[in-house]
C-alpha atoms as a PDB file:
ATOM      1  CA  MET A   1       0.098  -0.058   0.088  1.00  0.00           C
ATOM      2  CA  SER A   2       1.268   3.316  -1.080  1.00  0.00           C
ATOM      3  CA  GLN A   3       1.434   6.261   1.428  1.00  0.00           C
ATOM      4  CA  PRO A   4      -0.860   9.337   0.494  1.00  0.00           C
ATOM      5  CA  THR A   5       0.979  12.171  -0.734  1.00  0.00           C
ATOM      6  CA  GLN A   6       0.688  15.670   0.607  1.00  0.00           C
ATOM      7  CA  THR A   7      -1.608  16.871  -2.214  1.00  0.00           C
ATOM      8  CA  ASP A   8      -3.955  13.942  -1.522  1.00  0.00           C
ATOM      9  CA  SER A   9      -4.300  14.712   2.063  1.00  0.00           C
ATOM     10  CA  LYS A  10      -5.171  18.327   1.163  1.00  0.00           C
ATOM     11  CA  ASN A  11      -7.946  17.367  -1.135  1.00  0.00           C
ATOM     12  CA  THR A  12      -9.371  14.845   1.313  1.00  0.00           C
ATOM     13  CA  SER A  13      -9.387  17.204   4.195  1.00  0.00           C
ATOM     14  CA  ALA A  14     -10.912  20.079   2.073  1.00  0.00           C
ATOM     15  CA  GLU A  15     -13.881  17.836   1.057  1.00  0.00           C
ATOM     16  CA  ASN A  16     -14.624  16.706   4.575  1.00  0.00           C
ATOM     17  CA  SER A  17     -13.898  20.006   6.290  1.00  0.00           C
ATOM     18  CA  PRO A  18     -16.758  21.861   8.046  1.00  0.00           C
ATOM     19  CA  MET A  19     -15.788  25.056   6.424  1.00  0.00           C
ATOM     20  CA  MET A  20     -18.316  26.796   4.202  1.00  0.00           C
ATOM     21  CA  ASN A  21     -17.836  29.226   1.351  1.00  0.00           C
ATOM     22  CA  ARG A  22     -18.958  32.942   1.512  1.00  0.00           C
ATOM     23  CA  ARG A  23     -22.134  32.434  -0.664  1.00  0.00           C
ATOM     24  CA  THR A  24     -23.422  29.675   1.644  1.00  0.00           C
ATOM     25  CA  PHE A  25     -22.711  31.727   4.813  1.00  0.00           C
ATOM     26  CA  LEU A  26     -24.505  34.857   3.420  1.00  0.00           C
ATOM     27  CA  LYS A  27     -27.486  32.661   2.329  1.00  0.00           C
ATOM     28  CA  TRP A  28     -27.864  31.063   5.774  1.00  0.00           C
ATOM     29  CA  SER A  29     -27.437  34.270   7.671  1.00  0.00           C
ATOM     30  CA  THR A  30     -29.862  36.027   5.586  1.00  0.00           C
ATOM     31  CA  ILE A  31     -32.497  33.219   6.313  1.00  0.00           C
ATOM     32  CA  GLY A  32     -31.559  33.343  10.084  1.00  0.00           C
ATOM     33  CA  TRP A  33     -31.924  37.085  10.185  1.00  0.00           C
ATOM     34  CA  ALA A  34     -35.191  36.972   8.302  1.00  0.00           C
ATOM     35  CA  ALA A  35     -36.610  34.385  10.710  1.00  0.00           C
ATOM     36  CA  PHE A  36     -35.508  36.519  13.618  1.00  0.00           C
ATOM     37  CA  ALA A  37     -37.211  39.537  12.197  1.00  0.00           C
ATOM     38  CA  ALA A  38     -40.346  37.622  11.581  1.00  0.00           C
ATOM     39  CA  VAL A  39     -40.481  36.290  15.183  1.00  0.00           C
ATOM     40  CA  VAL A  40     -39.740  39.942  16.539  1.00  0.00           C
ATOM     41  CA  GLY A  41     -42.431  41.263  14.276  1.00  0.00           C
ATOM     42  CA  GLY A  42     -44.917  38.813  15.400  1.00  0.00           C
ATOM     43  CA  TYR A  43     -44.327  39.648  19.058  1.00  0.00           C
ATOM     44  CA  GLY A  44     -44.511  43.324  18.104  1.00  0.00           C
ATOM     45  CA  THR A  45     -47.757  42.898  16.525  1.00  0.00           C
ATOM     46  CA  MET A  46     -49.056  41.142  19.691  1.00  0.00           C
ATOM     47  CA  VAL A  47     -47.891  43.887  21.859  1.00  0.00           C
ATOM     48  CA  LEU A  48     -49.563  46.469  19.629  1.00  0.00           C
ATOM     49  CA  ARG A  49     -52.935  44.496  19.690  1.00  0.00           C
ATOM     50  CA  TYR A  50     -52.668  44.451  23.497  1.00  0.00           C
ATOM     51  CA  LEU A  51     -52.025  48.309  23.563  1.00  0.00           C
ATOM     52  CA  PHE A  52     -54.962  49.011  21.144  1.00  0.00           C
ATOM     53  CA  PRO A  53     -57.674  46.480  21.688  1.00  0.00           C
ATOM     54  CA  ASN A  54     -60.884  46.412  19.788  1.00  0.00           C
ATOM     55  CA  VAL A  55     -63.357  48.461  21.662  1.00  0.00           C
ATOM     56  CA  LEU A  56     -67.083  48.544  21.154  1.00  0.00           C
ATOM     57  CA  PHE A  57     -68.322  52.142  21.531  1.00  0.00           C
ATOM     58  CA  GLU A  58     -71.818  52.236  22.734  1.00  0.00           C
ATOM     59  CA  PRO A  59     -74.176  55.220  22.512  1.00  0.00           C
ATOM     60  CA  LYS A  60     -74.491  57.530  25.302  1.00  0.00           C
ATOM     61  CA  GLN A  61     -76.340  55.863  28.313  1.00  0.00           C
ATOM     62  CA  GLU A  62     -78.114  59.102  29.262  1.00  0.00           C
ATOM     63  CA  PHE A  63     -80.011  61.347  26.809  1.00  0.00           C
ATOM     64  CA  ARG A  64     -82.492  64.132  26.722  1.00  0.00           C
ATOM     65  CA  ALA A  65     -85.854  63.095  25.250  1.00  0.00           C
ATOM     66  CA  GLY A  66     -87.661  66.466  25.028  1.00  0.00           C
ATOM     67  CA  LEU A  67     -90.418  68.183  26.966  1.00  0.00           C
ATOM     68  CA  PRO A  68     -93.345  66.224  28.653  1.00  0.00           C
ATOM     69  CA  THR A  69     -95.798  68.243  26.490  1.00  0.00           C
ATOM     70  CA  GLU A  70     -94.309  66.435  23.418  1.00  0.00           C
ATOM     71  CA  TYR A  71     -95.744  63.189  24.429  1.00  0.00           C
ATOM     72  CA  GLN A  72     -99.493  62.358  23.932  1.00  0.00           C
ATOM     73  CA  ILE A  73    -101.464  60.645  26.700  1.00  0.00           C
ATOM     74  CA  GLY A  74    -101.978  56.975  25.935  1.00  0.00           C
ATOM     75  CA  GLU A  75     -99.464  56.748  23.000  1.00  0.00           C
ATOM     76  CA  VAL A  76     -96.075  54.980  22.900  1.00  0.00           C
ATOM     77  CA  SER A  77     -93.400  57.063  21.445  1.00  0.00           C
ATOM     78  CA  GLU A  78     -90.977  55.182  19.341  1.00  0.00           C
ATOM     79  CA  ARG A  79     -88.883  58.105  18.654  1.00  0.00           C
ATOM     80  CA  TRP A  80     -85.835  56.889  20.658  1.00  0.00           C
ATOM     81  CA  LYS A  81     -86.269  53.094  19.720  1.00  0.00           C
ATOM     82  CA  ASP A  82     -83.532  53.005  17.206  1.00  0.00           C
ATOM     83  CA  ALA A  83     -81.048  55.570  18.675  1.00  0.00           C
ATOM     84  CA  PHE A  84     -81.178  54.644  22.360  1.00  0.00           C
ATOM     85  CA  GLY A  85     -83.402  51.374  22.546  1.00  0.00           C
ATOM     86  CA  THR A  86     -86.026  53.146  24.567  1.00  0.00           C
ATOM     87  CA  TRP A  87     -89.851  53.715  24.318  1.00  0.00           C
ATOM     88  CA  ILE A  88     -91.372  56.614  26.211  1.00  0.00           C
ATOM     89  CA  ILE A  89     -94.964  56.120  27.387  1.00  0.00           C
ATOM     90  CA  ARG A  90     -97.451  58.548  28.728  1.00  0.00           C
ATOM     91  CA  ASP A  91    -100.472  57.673  30.589  1.00  0.00           C
ATOM     92  CA  GLN A  92    -102.901  59.686  32.549  1.00  0.00           C
ATOM     93  CA  GLU A  93    -100.723  59.787  35.717  1.00  0.00           C
ATOM     94  CA  LYS A  94     -97.049  59.359  34.617  1.00  0.00           C
ATOM     95  CA  ILE A  95     -94.406  59.153  32.032  1.00  0.00           C
ATOM     96  CA  TYR A  96     -91.974  56.178  32.014  1.00  0.00           C
ATOM     97  CA  ALA A  97     -89.257  54.763  29.681  1.00  0.00           C
ATOM     98  CA  LEU A  98     -89.308  51.237  28.746  1.00  0.00           C
ATOM     99  CA  ALA A  99     -86.329  49.126  27.532  1.00  0.00           C
ATOM    100  CA  THR A 100     -86.718  47.755  23.980  1.00  0.00           C
ATOM    101  CA  ILE A 101     -85.286  44.310  25.106  1.00  0.00           C
ATOM    102  CA  CYS A 102     -87.553  41.469  25.216  1.00  0.00           C
ATOM    103  CA  THR A 103     -86.929  39.598  28.607  1.00  0.00           C
ATOM    104  CA  HIS A 104     -87.074  36.132  26.927  1.00  0.00           C
ATOM    105  CA  LEU A 105     -83.994  36.142  24.713  1.00  0.00           C
ATOM    106  CA  GLY A 106     -83.217  39.818  24.133  1.00  0.00           C
ATOM    107  CA  CYS A 107     -84.862  40.455  20.718  1.00  0.00           C
ATOM    108  CA  THR A 108     -86.452  43.833  20.126  1.00  0.00           C
ATOM    109  CA  PRO A 109     -90.343  43.783  20.228  1.00  0.00           C
ATOM    110  CA  ASN A 110     -92.325  45.955  17.929  1.00  0.00           C
ATOM    111  CA  TRP A 111     -95.152  48.275  19.025  1.00  0.00           C
ATOM    112  CA  MET A 112     -98.445  47.252  17.360  1.00  0.00           C
ATOM    113  CA  PRO A 113    -100.735  50.300  17.774  1.00  0.00           C
ATOM    114  CA  ASN A 114    -103.837  48.587  16.254  1.00  0.00           C
ATOM    115  CA  GLU A 115    -103.553  45.848  18.969  1.00  0.00           C
ATOM    116  CA  ALA A 116    -102.155  48.215  21.650  1.00  0.00           C
ATOM    117  CA  LYS A 117     -99.286  45.871  22.537  1.00  0.00           C
ATOM    118  CA  PHE A 118     -95.561  45.076  22.048  1.00  0.00           C
ATOM    119  CA  LYS A 119     -95.088  42.005  20.058  1.00  0.00           C
ATOM    120  CA  CYS A 120     -91.691  40.167  20.024  1.00  0.00           C
ATOM    121  CA  PRO A 121     -90.981  38.874  16.431  1.00  0.00           C
ATOM    122  CA  CYS A 122     -88.581  36.127  17.688  1.00  0.00           C
ATOM    123  CA  HIS A 123     -90.844  33.900  19.777  1.00  0.00           C
ATOM    124  CA  GLY A 124     -94.112  35.751  19.996  1.00  0.00           C
ATOM    125  CA  SER A 125     -94.094  37.224  23.537  1.00  0.00           C
ATOM    126  CA  GLY A 126     -96.596  40.025  24.080  1.00  0.00           C
ATOM    127  CA  PHE A 127     -96.458  42.959  26.421  1.00  0.00           C
ATOM    128  CA  TYR A 128     -99.098  45.626  27.225  1.00  0.00           C
ATOM    129  CA  SER A 129     -98.083  49.330  26.849  1.00  0.00           C
ATOM    130  CA  THR A 130     -97.129  49.238  30.578  1.00  0.00           C
ATOM    131  CA  GLY A 131     -94.531  46.570  29.932  1.00  0.00           C
ATOM    132  CA  ILE A 132     -96.385  43.736  31.583  1.00  0.00           C
ATOM    133  CA  ASN A 133     -95.995  40.403  29.756  1.00  0.00           C
ATOM    134  CA  PHE A 134     -99.182  38.514  29.044  1.00  0.00           C
ATOM    135  CA  GLU A 135     -98.359  36.047  26.210  1.00  0.00           C
ATOM    136  CA  GLY A 136     -95.492  33.941  24.843  1.00  0.00           C
ATOM    137  CA  PRO A 137     -92.280  32.768  26.660  1.00  0.00           C
ATOM    138  CA  ALA A 138     -91.149  36.047  28.107  1.00  0.00           C
ATOM    139  CA  PRO A 139     -90.572  35.200  31.840  1.00  0.00           C
ATOM    140  CA  ARG A 140     -91.169  38.715  33.164  1.00  0.00           C
ATOM    141  CA  PRO A 141     -92.122  42.286  32.214  1.00  0.00           C
ATOM    142  CA  LEU A 142     -90.007  44.692  30.347  1.00  0.00           C
ATOM    143  CA  GLU A 143     -87.540  46.819  32.295  1.00  0.00           C
ATOM    144  CA  ARG A 144     -87.955  50.439  32.930  1.00  0.00           C
ATOM    145  CA  TYR A 145     -85.156  52.957  32.879  1.00  0.00           C
ATOM    146  CA  ARG A 146     -84.505  55.825  35.391  1.00  0.00           C
ATOM    147  CA  ILE A 147     -86.379  58.963  34.055  1.00  0.00           C
ATOM    148  CA  PHE A 148     -86.446  62.528  35.576  1.00  0.00           C
ATOM    149  CA  LEU A 149     -86.812  66.168  34.673  1.00  0.00           C
ATOM    150  CA  ALA A 150     -83.778  68.311  34.150  1.00  0.00           C
ATOM    151  CA  ASP A 151     -83.662  71.790  35.453  1.00  0.00           C
ATOM    152  CA  ASP A 152     -84.873  73.185  32.299  1.00  0.00           C
ATOM    153  CA  GLY A 153     -87.989  70.934  32.339  1.00  0.00           C
ATOM    154  CA  GLU A 154     -86.743  68.458  29.765  1.00  0.00           C
ATOM    155  CA  ILE A 155     -87.051  64.723  30.217  1.00  0.00           C
ATOM    156  CA  VAL A 156     -83.829  62.872  30.891  1.00  0.00           C
ATOM    157  CA  VAL A 157     -83.502  59.142  30.536  1.00  0.00           C
ATOM    158  CA  ASP A 158     -80.640  57.265  32.368  1.00  0.00           C
ATOM    159  CA  LYS A 159     -80.223  53.807  31.036  1.00  0.00           C
ATOM    160  CA  THR A 160     -77.645  52.918  33.634  1.00  0.00           C
ATOM    161  CA  LYS A 161     -80.410  52.392  36.192  1.00  0.00           C
ATOM    162  CA  LYS A 162     -83.059  49.706  35.443  1.00  0.00           C
ATOM    163  CA  PHE A 163     -86.119  48.918  37.444  1.00  0.00           C
ATOM    164  CA  GLN A 164     -87.764  45.496  37.504  1.00  0.00           C
ATOM    165  CA  GLN A 165     -91.629  45.120  38.132  1.00  0.00           C
ATOM    166  CA  GLU A 166     -91.360  41.698  39.867  1.00  0.00           C
ATOM    167  CA  LYS A 167     -88.904  43.154  42.292  1.00  0.00           C
ATOM    168  CA  GLY A 168     -91.399  45.941  43.231  1.00  0.00           C
ATOM    169  CA  GLU A 169     -89.064  48.574  41.753  1.00  0.00           C
ATOM    170  CA  TRP A 170     -91.792  50.286  39.489  1.00  0.00           C
ATOM    171  CA  SER A 171     -92.919  52.085  42.455  1.00  0.00           C
ATOM    172  CA  ASP A 172     -89.593  53.737  42.913  1.00  0.00           C
ATOM    173  CA  PRO A 173     -90.102  57.597  42.252  1.00  0.00           C
ATOM    174  CA  GLU A 174     -87.037  57.458  39.783  1.00  0.00           C
ATOM    175  CA  SER A 175     -88.864  54.882  37.447  1.00  0.00           C
ATOM    176  CA  PHE A 176     -91.335  57.455  36.358  1.00  0.00           C
ATOM    177  CA  ILE A 177     -92.329  61.094  36.215  1.00  0.00           C
ATOM    178  CA  SER A 178     -95.558  62.212  37.712  1.00  0.00           C
ATOM    179  CA  VAL A 179     -97.697  64.503  35.383  1.00  0.00           C
END
């Protein structure tokens, strides 16, 4: 057997050497930095989502509803139904604000003036103009909102305070305005 020459050992060691050329090094370092940038960008996006979350802006919870003289006795005003989810009703003795949310599953009932009742289109619950339930699956009457007169005589409805009939809260002086 012959001894390997010096040139043979150089060729053998160069082929098995872990050394890489400049082009391969630049390719892998570019891939590495791109992956690092993608990870940092992903975490940066998560931090920004945390700092600027999706927020649902709701309409104001208190609104002015006009003067008491603008509401006819025995009629249901649907003027504030779409904007504030409120009906204002005036009877012989008082004015009160009812929530437009069915107590069954939260649908919005419709006022049926010919039948003098609120009728829920989802499951057929019926409510008198006072808010008392009398038909369908609704388990309780509609809720009232706090209502009062401002210093200038205008009606103010505050939706942050609700009154439930079954708890005896409809007799609370804040649940209606005496006229």
